[in-house]
Amino acid sequence: MRYYIFIIFMTFIGSIASLFLKKASDLDGIVTIIKDKNIYIGCGLYIISAVINIYVLHYLPYSVVLPLTALTYVWTIILSYILLKEDIFLKKIIGVCFILAGVVMISV
């Protein structure tokens, strides 16, 4: 059970990492992006997420862990709505429901 909690945490961290990279991508010019702290925070969080992924893969089958990383998409939709004020349409909600149904089917 605890490994599934690690997967949830890992996917959440991955979504936050993407959020920081999105903030860095809003800047103009490659030099400005390279100097921005958001790119380093995002990359650091991706590394943390990867280390957690490696740890979990030691204990759970690859055929379970990799599909469960789709939870990252669920967190991304939620974070983009809350923090970036992006619109969520019915199509996205249906997609998230399919992802969650697949996660439940694989993890049970």
PDB file of N, CA and C in Angstrom:
ATOM      1  N   MET A   1       0.819  -1.206   0.000  1.00  0.00           N
ATOM      2  CA  MET A   1       0.000   0.000   0.000  1.00  0.00           C
ATOM      3  C   MET A   1       0.859   1.266   0.000  1.00  0.00           C
ATOM      4  N   ARG A   2       1.951   1.220   0.751  1.00  0.00           N
ATOM      5  CA  ARG A   2       2.769   2.433   0.852  1.00  0.00           C
ATOM      6  C   ARG A   2       3.412   2.798  -0.479  1.00  0.00           C
ATOM      7  N   TYR A   3       3.649   1.797  -1.324  1.00  0.00           N
ATOM      8  CA  TYR A   3       4.252   2.083  -2.625  1.00  0.00           C
ATOM      9  C   TYR A   3       3.279   2.840  -3.529  1.00  0.00           C
ATOM     10  N   TYR A   4       2.005   2.588  -3.350  1.00  0.00           N
ATOM     11  CA  TYR A   4       1.006   3.338  -4.121  1.00  0.00           C
ATOM     12  C   TYR A   4       0.946   4.795  -3.653  1.00  0.00           C
ATOM     13  N   ILE A   5       1.182   5.001  -2.373  1.00  0.00           N
ATOM     14  CA  ILE A   5       1.263   6.374  -1.857  1.00  0.00           C
ATOM     15  C   ILE A   5       2.484   7.073  -2.460  1.00  0.00           C
ATOM     16  N   PHE A   6       3.590   6.336  -2.576  1.00  0.00           N
ATOM     17  CA  PHE A   6       4.782   6.894  -3.238  1.00  0.00           C
ATOM     18  C   PHE A   6       4.478   7.260  -4.685  1.00  0.00           C
ATOM     19  N   ILE A   7       3.698   6.431  -5.371  1.00  0.00           N
ATOM     20  CA  ILE A   7       3.346   6.720  -6.760  1.00  0.00           C
ATOM     21  C   ILE A   7       2.512   7.994  -6.849  1.00  0.00           C
ATOM     22  N   ILE A   8       1.550   8.135  -5.939  1.00  0.00           N
ATOM     23  CA  ILE A   8       0.733   9.352  -5.920  1.00  0.00           C
ATOM     24  C   ILE A   8       1.618  10.575  -5.687  1.00  0.00           C
ATOM     25  N   PHE A   9       2.522  10.466  -4.727  1.00  0.00           N
ATOM     26  CA  PHE A   9       3.439  11.565  -4.428  1.00  0.00           C
ATOM     27  C   PHE A   9       4.355  11.856  -5.616  1.00  0.00           C
ATOM     28  N   MET A  10       4.880  10.796  -6.234  1.00  0.00           N
ATOM     29  CA  MET A  10       5.773  10.933  -7.379  1.00  0.00           C
ATOM     30  C   MET A  10       5.082  11.659  -8.527  1.00  0.00           C
ATOM     31  N   THR A  11       3.843  11.290  -8.809  1.00  0.00           N
ATOM     32  CA  THR A  11       3.129  11.923  -9.920  1.00  0.00           C
ATOM     33  C   THR A  11       2.794  13.375  -9.605  1.00  0.00           C
ATOM     34  N   PHE A  12       2.504  13.658  -8.343  1.00  0.00           N
ATOM     35  CA  PHE A  12       2.225  15.039  -7.949  1.00  0.00           C
ATOM     36  C   PHE A  12       3.476  15.902  -8.105  1.00  0.00           C
ATOM     37  N   ILE A  13       4.600  15.377  -7.665  1.00  0.00           N
ATOM     38  CA  ILE A  13       5.874  16.099  -7.810  1.00  0.00           C
ATOM     39  C   ILE A  13       6.191  16.341  -9.291  1.00  0.00           C
ATOM     40  N   GLY A  14       5.927  15.346 -10.133  1.00  0.00           N
ATOM     41  CA  GLY A  14       6.154  15.500 -11.570  1.00  0.00           C
ATOM     42  C   GLY A  14       5.296  16.601 -12.168  1.00  0.00           C
ATOM     43  N   SER A  15       4.061  16.708 -11.703  1.00  0.00           N
ATOM     44  CA  SER A  15       3.183  17.775 -12.191  1.00  0.00           C
ATOM     45  C   SER A  15       3.662  19.149 -11.748  1.00  0.00           C
ATOM     46  N   ILE A  16       4.117  19.233 -10.534  1.00  0.00           N
ATOM     47  CA  ILE A  16       4.648  20.511 -10.041  1.00  0.00           C
ATOM     48  C   ILE A  16       5.911  20.881 -10.824  1.00  0.00           C
ATOM     49  N   ALA A  17       6.734  19.882 -11.131  1.00  0.00           N
ATOM     50  CA  ALA A  17       7.931  20.133 -11.939  1.00  0.00           C
ATOM     51  C   ALA A  17       7.552  20.731 -13.286  1.00  0.00           C
ATOM     52  N   SER A  18       6.548  20.169 -13.912  1.00  0.00           N
ATOM     53  CA  SER A  18       6.090  20.691 -15.201  1.00  0.00           C
ATOM     54  C   SER A  18       5.585  22.124 -15.079  1.00  0.00           C
ATOM     55  N   LEU A  19       4.957  22.421 -13.970  1.00  0.00           N
ATOM     56  CA  LEU A  19       4.454  23.774 -13.732  1.00  0.00           C
ATOM     57  C   LEU A  19       5.603  24.783 -13.692  1.00  0.00           C
ATOM     58  N   PHE A  20       6.693  24.424 -13.034  1.00  0.00           N
ATOM     59  CA  PHE A  20       7.860  25.311 -12.990  1.00  0.00           C
ATOM     60  C   PHE A  20       8.487  25.468 -14.373  1.00  0.00           C
ATOM     61  N   LEU A  21       8.526  24.396 -15.141  1.00  0.00           N
ATOM     62  CA  LEU A  21       9.061  24.490 -16.501  1.00  0.00           C
ATOM     63  C   LEU A  21       8.161  25.341 -17.381  1.00  0.00           C
ATOM     64  N   LYS A  22       6.860  25.270 -17.148  1.00  0.00           N
ATOM     65  CA  LYS A  22       5.923  26.132 -17.885  1.00  0.00           C
ATOM     66  C   LYS A  22       6.209  27.601 -17.580  1.00  0.00           C
ATOM     67  N   LYS A  23       6.443  27.905 -16.303  1.00  0.00           N
ATOM     68  CA  LYS A  23       6.769  29.287 -15.931  1.00  0.00           C
ATOM     69  C   LYS A  23       8.051  29.751 -16.617  1.00  0.00           C
ATOM     70  N   ALA A  24       9.043  28.880 -16.695  1.00  0.00           N
ATOM     71  CA  ALA A  24      10.301  29.236 -17.362  1.00  0.00           C
ATOM     72  C   ALA A  24      10.082  29.421 -18.852  1.00  0.00           C
ATOM     73  N   SER A  25       9.181  28.657 -19.437  1.00  0.00           N
ATOM     74  CA  SER A  25       8.961  28.733 -20.880  1.00  0.00           C
ATOM     75  C   SER A  25       8.262  30.024 -21.299  1.00  0.00           C
ATOM     76  N   ASP A  26       7.659  30.718 -20.359  1.00  0.00           N
ATOM     77  CA  ASP A  26       6.988  31.973 -20.670  1.00  0.00           C
ATOM     78  C   ASP A  26       7.966  33.124 -20.894  1.00  0.00           C
ATOM     79  N   LEU A  27       9.239  32.895 -20.609  1.00  0.00           N
ATOM     80  CA  LEU A  27      10.248  33.935 -20.761  1.00  0.00           C
ATOM     81  C   LEU A  27      10.738  34.002 -22.206  1.00  0.00           C
ATOM     82  N   ASP A  28      11.289  35.139 -22.569  1.00  0.00           N
ATOM     83  CA  ASP A  28      11.810  35.325 -23.930  1.00  0.00           C
ATOM     84  C   ASP A  28      13.310  35.091 -23.953  1.00  0.00           C
ATOM     85  N   GLY A  29      13.762  34.301 -24.898  1.00  0.00           N
ATOM     86  CA  GLY A  29      15.191  34.077 -25.114  1.00  0.00           C
ATOM     87  C   GLY A  29      15.740  32.928 -24.291  1.00  0.00           C
ATOM     88  N   ILE A  30      16.573  32.147 -24.915  1.00  0.00           N
ATOM     89  CA  ILE A  30      17.151  30.968 -24.270  1.00  0.00           C
ATOM     90  C   ILE A  30      18.048  31.341 -23.096  1.00  0.00           C
ATOM     91  N   VAL A  31      18.775  32.448 -23.227  1.00  0.00           N
ATOM     92  CA  VAL A  31      19.671  32.875 -22.144  1.00  0.00           C
ATOM     93  C   VAL A  31      18.859  33.254 -20.914  1.00  0.00           C
ATOM     94  N   THR A  32      17.757  33.943 -21.105  1.00  0.00           N
ATOM     95  CA  THR A  32      16.885  34.325 -19.990  1.00  0.00           C
ATOM     96  C   THR A  32      16.306  33.086 -19.326  1.00  0.00           C
ATOM     97  N   ILE A  33      15.927  32.121 -20.132  1.00  0.00           N
ATOM     98  CA  ILE A  33      15.359  30.877 -19.584  1.00  0.00           C
ATOM     99  C   ILE A  33      16.408  30.131 -18.770  1.00  0.00           C
ATOM    100  N   ILE A  34      17.636  30.060 -19.289  1.00  0.00           N
ATOM    101  CA  ILE A  34      18.707  29.346 -18.588  1.00  0.00           C
ATOM    102  C   ILE A  34      19.037  30.017 -17.259  1.00  0.00           C
ATOM    103  N   LYS A  35      18.893  31.325 -17.187  1.00  0.00           N
ATOM    104  CA  LYS A  35      19.190  32.057 -15.954  1.00  0.00           C
ATOM    105  C   LYS A  35      18.037  32.022 -14.948  1.00  0.00           C
ATOM    106  N   ASP A  36      16.882  31.566 -15.377  1.00  0.00           N
ATOM    107  CA  ASP A  36      15.700  31.595 -14.511  1.00  0.00           C
ATOM    108  C   ASP A  36      15.719  30.437 -13.516  1.00  0.00           C
ATOM    109  N   LYS A  37      15.365  30.729 -12.285  1.00  0.00           N
ATOM    110  CA  LYS A  37      15.366  29.703 -11.233  1.00  0.00           C
ATOM    111  C   LYS A  37      14.297  28.639 -11.465  1.00  0.00           C
ATOM    112  N   ASN A  38      13.212  28.985 -12.154  1.00  0.00           N
ATOM    113  CA  ASN A  38      12.127  28.025 -12.356  1.00  0.00           C
ATOM    114  C   ASN A  38      12.567  26.788 -13.120  1.00  0.00           C
ATOM    115  N   ILE A  39      13.480  26.957 -14.060  1.00  0.00           N
ATOM    116  CA  ILE A  39      13.938  25.799 -14.835  1.00  0.00           C
ATOM    117  C   ILE A  39      14.714  24.827 -13.947  1.00  0.00           C
ATOM    118  N   TYR A  40      15.467  25.359 -13.003  1.00  0.00           N
ATOM    119  CA  TYR A  40      16.260  24.507 -12.114  1.00  0.00           C
ATOM    120  C   TYR A  40      15.387  23.838 -11.053  1.00  0.00           C
ATOM    121  N   ILE A  41      14.391  24.565 -10.577  1.00  0.00           N
ATOM    122  CA  ILE A  41      13.450  23.956  -9.635  1.00  0.00           C
ATOM    123  C   ILE A  41      12.689  22.828 -10.331  1.00  0.00           C
ATOM    124  N   GLY A  42      12.211  23.090 -11.544  1.00  0.00           N
ATOM    125  CA  GLY A  42      11.493  22.069 -12.306  1.00  0.00           C
ATOM    126  C   GLY A  42      12.344  20.838 -12.561  1.00  0.00           C
ATOM    127  N   CYS A  43      13.581  21.058 -12.988  1.00  0.00           N
ATOM    128  CA  CYS A  43      14.476  19.922 -13.250  1.00  0.00           C
ATOM    129  C   CYS A  43      14.786  19.156 -11.962  1.00  0.00           C
ATOM    130  N   GLY A  44      14.996  19.882 -10.879  1.00  0.00           N
ATOM    131  CA  GLY A  44      15.257  19.231  -9.591  1.00  0.00           C
ATOM    132  C   GLY A  44      14.082  18.372  -9.138  1.00  0.00           C
ATOM    133  N   LEU A  45      12.875  18.901  -9.323  1.00  0.00           N
ATOM    134  CA  LEU A  45      11.694  18.133  -8.947  1.00  0.00           C
ATOM    135  C   LEU A  45      11.522  16.902  -9.837  1.00  0.00           C
ATOM    136  N   TYR A  46      11.863  17.027 -11.118  1.00  0.00           N
ATOM    137  CA  TYR A  46      11.820  15.860 -12.007  1.00  0.00           C
ATOM    138  C   TYR A  46      12.804  14.783 -11.541  1.00  0.00           C
ATOM    139  N   ILE A  47      13.964  15.197 -11.088  1.00  0.00           N
ATOM    140  CA  ILE A  47      14.946  14.230 -10.588  1.00  0.00           C
ATOM    141  C   ILE A  47      14.410  13.528  -9.343  1.00  0.00           C
ATOM    142  N   ILE A  48      13.817  14.292  -8.442  1.00  0.00           N
ATOM    143  CA  ILE A  48      13.228  13.687  -7.240  1.00  0.00           C
ATOM    144  C   ILE A  48      12.146  12.692  -7.638  1.00  0.00           C
ATOM    145  N   SER A  49      11.312  13.076  -8.578  1.00  0.00           N
ATOM    146  CA  SER A  49      10.260  12.193  -9.057  1.00  0.00           C
ATOM    147  C   SER A  49      10.845  10.921  -9.675  1.00  0.00           C
ATOM    148  N   ALA A  50      11.921  11.054 -10.433  1.00  0.00           N
ATOM    149  CA  ALA A  50      12.566   9.898 -11.057  1.00  0.00           C
ATOM    150  C   ALA A  50      13.159   8.957 -10.013  1.00  0.00           C
ATOM    151  N   VAL A  51      13.751   9.509  -8.968  1.00  0.00           N
ATOM    152  CA  VAL A  51      14.326   8.683  -7.904  1.00  0.00           C
ATOM    153  C   VAL A  51      13.217   7.902  -7.188  1.00  0.00           C
ATOM    154  N   ILE A  52      12.105   8.561  -6.916  1.00  0.00           N
ATOM    155  CA  ILE A  52      10.969   7.865  -6.303  1.00  0.00           C
ATOM    156  C   ILE A  52      10.468   6.770  -7.236  1.00  0.00           C
ATOM    157  N   ASN A  53      10.422   7.056  -8.526  1.00  0.00           N
ATOM    158  CA  ASN A  53       9.995   6.071  -9.518  1.00  0.00           C
ATOM    159  C   ASN A  53      10.911   4.844  -9.479  1.00  0.00           C
ATOM    160  N   ILE A  54      12.197   5.049  -9.447  1.00  0.00           N
ATOM    161  CA  ILE A  54      13.157   3.947  -9.384  1.00  0.00           C
ATOM    162  C   ILE A  54      12.942   3.126  -8.118  1.00  0.00           C
ATOM    163  N   TYR A  55      12.727   3.813  -7.008  1.00  0.00           N
ATOM    164  CA  TYR A  55      12.485   3.120  -5.736  1.00  0.00           C
ATOM    165  C   TYR A  55      11.242   2.237  -5.825  1.00  0.00           C
ATOM    166  N   VAL A  56      10.155   2.786  -6.338  1.00  0.00           N
ATOM    167  CA  VAL A  56       8.900   2.046  -6.435  1.00  0.00           C
ATOM    168  C   VAL A  56       9.041   0.871  -7.407  1.00  0.00           C
ATOM    169  N   LEU A  57       9.766   1.083  -8.512  1.00  0.00           N
ATOM    170  CA  LEU A  57       9.963   0.005  -9.482  1.00  0.00           C
ATOM    171  C   LEU A  57      10.701  -1.190  -8.887  1.00  0.00           C
ATOM    172  N   HIS A  58      11.454  -0.956  -7.841  1.00  0.00           N
ATOM    173  CA  HIS A  58      12.151  -2.054  -7.164  1.00  0.00           C
ATOM    174  C   HIS A  58      11.155  -3.002  -6.496  1.00  0.00           C
ATOM    175  N   TYR A  59      10.004  -2.477  -6.086  1.00  0.00           N
ATOM    176  CA  TYR A  59       9.042  -3.262  -5.306  1.00  0.00           C
ATOM    177  C   TYR A  59       7.772  -3.652  -6.063  1.00  0.00           C
ATOM    178  N   LEU A  60       7.421  -2.906  -7.089  1.00  0.00           N
ATOM    179  CA  LEU A  60       6.192  -3.191  -7.836  1.00  0.00           C
ATOM    180  C   LEU A  60       6.535  -3.497  -9.291  1.00  0.00           C
ATOM    181  N   PRO A  61       5.684  -4.260  -9.957  1.00  0.00           N
ATOM    182  CA  PRO A  61       5.946  -4.583 -11.366  1.00  0.00           C
ATOM    183  C   PRO A  61       5.885  -3.338 -12.255  1.00  0.00           C
ATOM    184  N   TYR A  62       6.714  -3.347 -13.256  1.00  0.00           N
ATOM    185  CA  TYR A  62       6.755  -2.270 -14.245  1.00  0.00           C
ATOM    186  C   TYR A  62       5.393  -2.099 -14.908  1.00  0.00           C
ATOM    187  N   SER A  63       4.714  -3.215 -15.139  1.00  0.00           N
ATOM    188  CA  SER A  63       3.404  -3.174 -15.801  1.00  0.00           C
ATOM    189  C   SER A  63       2.331  -2.521 -14.933  1.00  0.00           C
ATOM    190  N   VAL A  64       2.620  -2.304 -13.669  1.00  0.00           N
ATOM    191  CA  VAL A  64       1.707  -1.589 -12.772  1.00  0.00           C
ATOM    192  C   VAL A  64       2.155  -0.136 -12.610  1.00  0.00           C
ATOM    193  N   VAL A  65       3.438   0.054 -12.367  1.00  0.00           N
ATOM    194  CA  VAL A  65       3.952   1.399 -12.060  1.00  0.00           C
ATOM    195  C   VAL A  65       3.800   2.350 -13.243  1.00  0.00           C
ATOM    196  N   LEU A  66       4.212   1.918 -14.422  1.00  0.00           N
ATOM    197  CA  LEU A  66       4.176   2.834 -15.560  1.00  0.00           C
ATOM    198  C   LEU A  66       2.767   3.316 -15.886  1.00  0.00           C
ATOM    199  N   PRO A  67       1.762   2.446 -15.958  1.00  0.00           N
ATOM    200  CA  PRO A  67       0.413   2.965 -16.205  1.00  0.00           C
ATOM    201  C   PRO A  67      -0.092   3.898 -15.102  1.00  0.00           C
ATOM    202  N   LEU A  68       0.333   3.658 -13.858  1.00  0.00           N
ATOM    203  CA  LEU A  68      -0.120   4.520 -12.771  1.00  0.00           C
ATOM    204  C   LEU A  68       0.498   5.915 -12.835  1.00  0.00           C
ATOM    205  N   THR A  69       1.577   6.066 -13.591  1.00  0.00           N
ATOM    206  CA  THR A  69       2.146   7.409 -13.744  1.00  0.00           C
ATOM    207  C   THR A  69       1.214   8.323 -14.534  1.00  0.00           C
ATOM    208  N   ALA A  70       0.170   7.759 -15.116  1.00  0.00           N
ATOM    209  CA  ALA A  70      -0.840   8.576 -15.800  1.00  0.00           C
ATOM    210  C   ALA A  70      -1.554   9.509 -14.825  1.00  0.00           C
ATOM    211  N   LEU A  71      -1.419   9.248 -13.536  1.00  0.00           N
ATOM    212  CA  LEU A  71      -1.985  10.171 -12.545  1.00  0.00           C
ATOM    213  C   LEU A  71      -1.395  11.571 -12.694  1.00  0.00           C
ATOM    214  N   THR A  72      -0.213  11.655 -13.279  1.00  0.00           N
ATOM    215  CA  THR A  72       0.403  12.958 -13.524  1.00  0.00           C
ATOM    216  C   THR A  72      -0.532  13.851 -14.326  1.00  0.00           C
ATOM    217  N   TYR A  73      -1.243  13.275 -15.283  1.00  0.00           N
ATOM    218  CA  TYR A  73      -2.172  14.057 -16.100  1.00  0.00           C
ATOM    219  C   TYR A  73      -3.330  14.598 -15.268  1.00  0.00           C
ATOM    220  N   VAL A  74      -3.765  13.821 -14.298  1.00  0.00           N
ATOM    221  CA  VAL A  74      -4.855  14.276 -13.422  1.00  0.00           C
ATOM    222  C   VAL A  74      -4.386  15.474 -12.604  1.00  0.00           C
ATOM    223  N   TRP A  75      -3.201  15.348 -11.989  1.00  0.00           N
ATOM    224  CA  TRP A  75      -2.663  16.474 -11.208  1.00  0.00           C
ATOM    225  C   TRP A  75      -2.446  17.697 -12.092  1.00  0.00           C
ATOM    226  N   THR A  76      -1.988  17.468 -13.311  1.00  0.00           N
ATOM    227  CA  THR A  76      -1.719  18.584 -14.218  1.00  0.00           C
ATOM    228  C   THR A  76      -2.988  19.361 -14.538  1.00  0.00           C
ATOM    229  N   ILE A  77      -4.075  18.663 -14.784  1.00  0.00           N
ATOM    230  CA  ILE A  77      -5.359  19.331 -15.057  1.00  0.00           C
ATOM    231  C   ILE A  77      -5.778  20.168 -13.839  1.00  0.00           C
ATOM    232  N   ILE A  78      -5.663  19.578 -12.672  1.00  0.00           N
ATOM    233  CA  ILE A  78      -6.072  20.271 -11.441  1.00  0.00           C
ATOM    234  C   ILE A  78      -5.198  21.503 -11.201  1.00  0.00           C
ATOM    235  N   LEU A  79      -3.885  21.333 -11.294  1.00  0.00           N
ATOM    236  CA  LEU A  79      -2.971  22.452 -11.051  1.00  0.00           C
ATOM    237  C   LEU A  79      -3.123  23.551 -12.104  1.00  0.00           C
ATOM    238  N   SER A  80      -3.327  23.167 -13.357  1.00  0.00           N
ATOM    239  CA  SER A  80      -3.475  24.189 -14.399  1.00  0.00           C
ATOM    240  C   SER A  80      -4.760  24.983 -14.203  1.00  0.00           C
ATOM    241  N   TYR A  81      -5.785  24.336 -13.694  1.00  0.00           N
ATOM    242  CA  TYR A  81      -7.044  25.036 -13.415  1.00  0.00           C
ATOM    243  C   TYR A  81      -6.879  25.994 -12.231  1.00  0.00           C
ATOM    244  N   ILE A  82      -6.264  25.513 -11.162  1.00  0.00           N
ATOM    245  CA  ILE A  82      -6.144  26.316  -9.933  1.00  0.00           C
ATOM    246  C   ILE A  82      -5.092  27.419 -10.076  1.00  0.00           C
ATOM    247  N   LEU A  83      -3.912  27.063 -10.569  1.00  0.00           N
ATOM    248  CA  LEU A  83      -2.800  28.010 -10.554  1.00  0.00           C
ATOM    249  C   LEU A  83      -2.648  28.825 -11.837  1.00  0.00           C
ATOM    250  N   LEU A  84      -2.984  28.241 -12.974  1.00  0.00           N
ATOM    251  CA  LEU A  84      -2.823  28.946 -14.239  1.00  0.00           C
ATOM    252  C   LEU A  84      -4.141  29.485 -14.782  1.00  0.00           C
ATOM    253  N   LYS A  85      -5.216  29.201 -14.066  1.00  0.00           N
ATOM    254  CA  LYS A  85      -6.558  29.675 -14.443  1.00  0.00           C
ATOM    255  C   LYS A  85      -6.961  29.204 -15.850  1.00  0.00           C
ATOM    256  N   GLU A  86      -6.508  28.007 -16.224  1.00  0.00           N
ATOM    257  CA  GLU A  86      -6.886  27.453 -17.518  1.00  0.00           C
ATOM    258  C   GLU A  86      -8.299  26.881 -17.439  1.00  0.00           C
ATOM    259  N   ASP A  87      -8.981  26.898 -18.556  1.00  0.00           N
ATOM    260  CA  ASP A  87     -10.335  26.357 -18.609  1.00  0.00           C
ATOM    261  C   ASP A  87     -10.298  24.834 -18.677  1.00  0.00           C
ATOM    262  N   ILE A  88     -11.280  24.227 -18.024  1.00  0.00           N
ATOM    263  CA  ILE A  88     -11.444  22.777 -18.100  1.00  0.00           C
ATOM    264  C   ILE A  88     -12.793  22.513 -18.738  1.00  0.00           C
ATOM    265  N   PHE A  89     -12.757  21.834 -19.865  1.00  0.00           N
ATOM    266  CA  PHE A  89     -13.978  21.526 -20.590  1.00  0.00           C
ATOM    267  C   PHE A  89     -14.402  20.093 -20.310  1.00  0.00           C
ATOM    268  N   LEU A  90     -15.606  19.778 -20.694  1.00  0.00           N
ATOM    269  CA  LEU A  90     -16.184  18.454 -20.446  1.00  0.00           C
ATOM    270  C   LEU A  90     -15.289  17.350 -20.999  1.00  0.00           C
ATOM    271  N   LYS A  91     -14.688  17.577 -22.148  1.00  0.00           N
ATOM    272  CA  LYS A  91     -13.820  16.571 -22.762  1.00  0.00           C
ATOM    273  C   LYS A  91     -12.642  16.224 -21.847  1.00  0.00           C
ATOM    274  N   LYS A  92     -12.070  17.228 -21.205  1.00  0.00           N
ATOM    275  CA  LYS A  92     -10.958  16.984 -20.283  1.00  0.00           C
ATOM    276  C   LYS A  92     -11.429  16.221 -19.050  1.00  0.00           C
ATOM    277  N   ILE A  93     -12.588  16.580 -18.540  1.00  0.00           N
ATOM    278  CA  ILE A  93     -13.128  15.900 -17.363  1.00  0.00           C
ATOM    279  C   ILE A  93     -13.393  14.430 -17.679  1.00  0.00           C
ATOM    280  N   ILE A  94     -13.945  14.158 -18.843  1.00  0.00           N
ATOM    281  CA  ILE A  94     -14.192  12.770 -19.252  1.00  0.00           C
ATOM    282  C   ILE A  94     -12.865  12.019 -19.375  1.00  0.00           C
ATOM    283  N   GLY A  95     -11.865  12.665 -19.946  1.00  0.00           N
ATOM    284  CA  GLY A  95     -10.544  12.047 -20.060  1.00  0.00           C
ATOM    285  C   GLY A  95      -9.957  11.705 -18.705  1.00  0.00           C
ATOM    286  N   VAL A  96     -10.080  12.627 -17.751  1.00  0.00           N
ATOM    287  CA  VAL A  96      -9.581  12.382 -16.399  1.00  0.00           C
ATOM    288  C   VAL A  96     -10.330  11.214 -15.762  1.00  0.00           C
ATOM    289  N   CYS A  97     -11.619  11.137 -15.999  1.00  0.00           N
ATOM    290  CA  CYS A  97     -12.408  10.015 -15.459  1.00  0.00           C
ATOM    291  C   CYS A  97     -11.921   8.687 -16.028  1.00  0.00           C
ATOM    292  N   PHE A  98     -11.601   8.656 -17.321  1.00  0.00           N
ATOM    293  CA  PHE A  98     -11.060   7.437 -17.932  1.00  0.00           C
ATOM    294  C   PHE A  98      -9.703   7.081 -17.326  1.00  0.00           C
ATOM    295  N   ILE A  99      -8.876   8.082 -17.110  1.00  0.00           N
ATOM    296  CA  ILE A  99      -7.566   7.833 -16.501  1.00  0.00           C
ATOM    297  C   ILE A  99      -7.750   7.242 -15.106  1.00  0.00           C
ATOM    298  N   LEU A 100      -8.617   7.858 -14.312  1.00  0.00           N
ATOM    299  CA  LEU A 100      -8.841   7.366 -12.949  1.00  0.00           C
ATOM    300  C   LEU A 100      -9.430   5.952 -12.962  1.00  0.00           C
ATOM    301  N   ALA A 101     -10.321   5.667 -13.890  1.00  0.00           N
ATOM    302  CA  ALA A 101     -10.882   4.315 -13.996  1.00  0.00           C
ATOM    303  C   ALA A 101      -9.774   3.318 -14.344  1.00  0.00           C
ATOM    304  N   GLY A 102      -8.887   3.690 -15.258  1.00  0.00           N
ATOM    305  CA  GLY A 102      -7.783   2.817 -15.606  1.00  0.00           C
ATOM    306  C   GLY A 102      -6.832   2.592 -14.446  1.00  0.00           C
ATOM    307  N   VAL A 103      -6.563   3.635 -13.691  1.00  0.00           N
ATOM    308  CA  VAL A 103      -5.685   3.523 -12.520  1.00  0.00           C
ATOM    309  C   VAL A 103      -6.300   2.548 -11.504  1.00  0.00           C
ATOM    310  N   VAL A 104      -7.587   2.682 -11.266  1.00  0.00           N
ATOM    311  CA  VAL A 104      -8.262   1.789 -10.317  1.00  0.00           C
ATOM    312  C   VAL A 104      -8.198   0.348 -10.820  1.00  0.00           C
ATOM    313  N   MET A 105      -8.453   0.139 -12.107  1.00  0.00           N
ATOM    314  CA  MET A 105      -8.443  -1.211 -12.659  1.00  0.00           C
ATOM    315  C   MET A 105      -7.061  -1.865 -12.569  1.00  0.00           C
ATOM    316  N   ILE A 106      -6.026  -1.084 -12.771  1.00  0.00           N
ATOM    317  CA  ILE A 106      -4.676  -1.639 -12.739  1.00  0.00           C
ATOM    318  C   ILE A 106      -4.200  -1.884 -11.304  1.00  0.00           C
ATOM    319  N   SER A 107      -4.596  -1.021 -10.393  1.00  0.00           N
ATOM    320  CA  SER A 107      -4.071  -1.104  -9.036  1.00  0.00           C
ATOM    321  C   SER A 107      -4.834  -2.064  -8.129  1.00  0.00           C
ATOM    322  N   VAL A 108      -6.005  -2.510  -8.546  1.00  0.00           N
ATOM    323  CA  VAL A 108      -6.799  -3.405  -7.692  1.00  0.00           C
ATOM    324  C   VAL A 108      -6.465  -4.835  -7.960  1.00  0.00           C
TER     325      VAL A 108
END
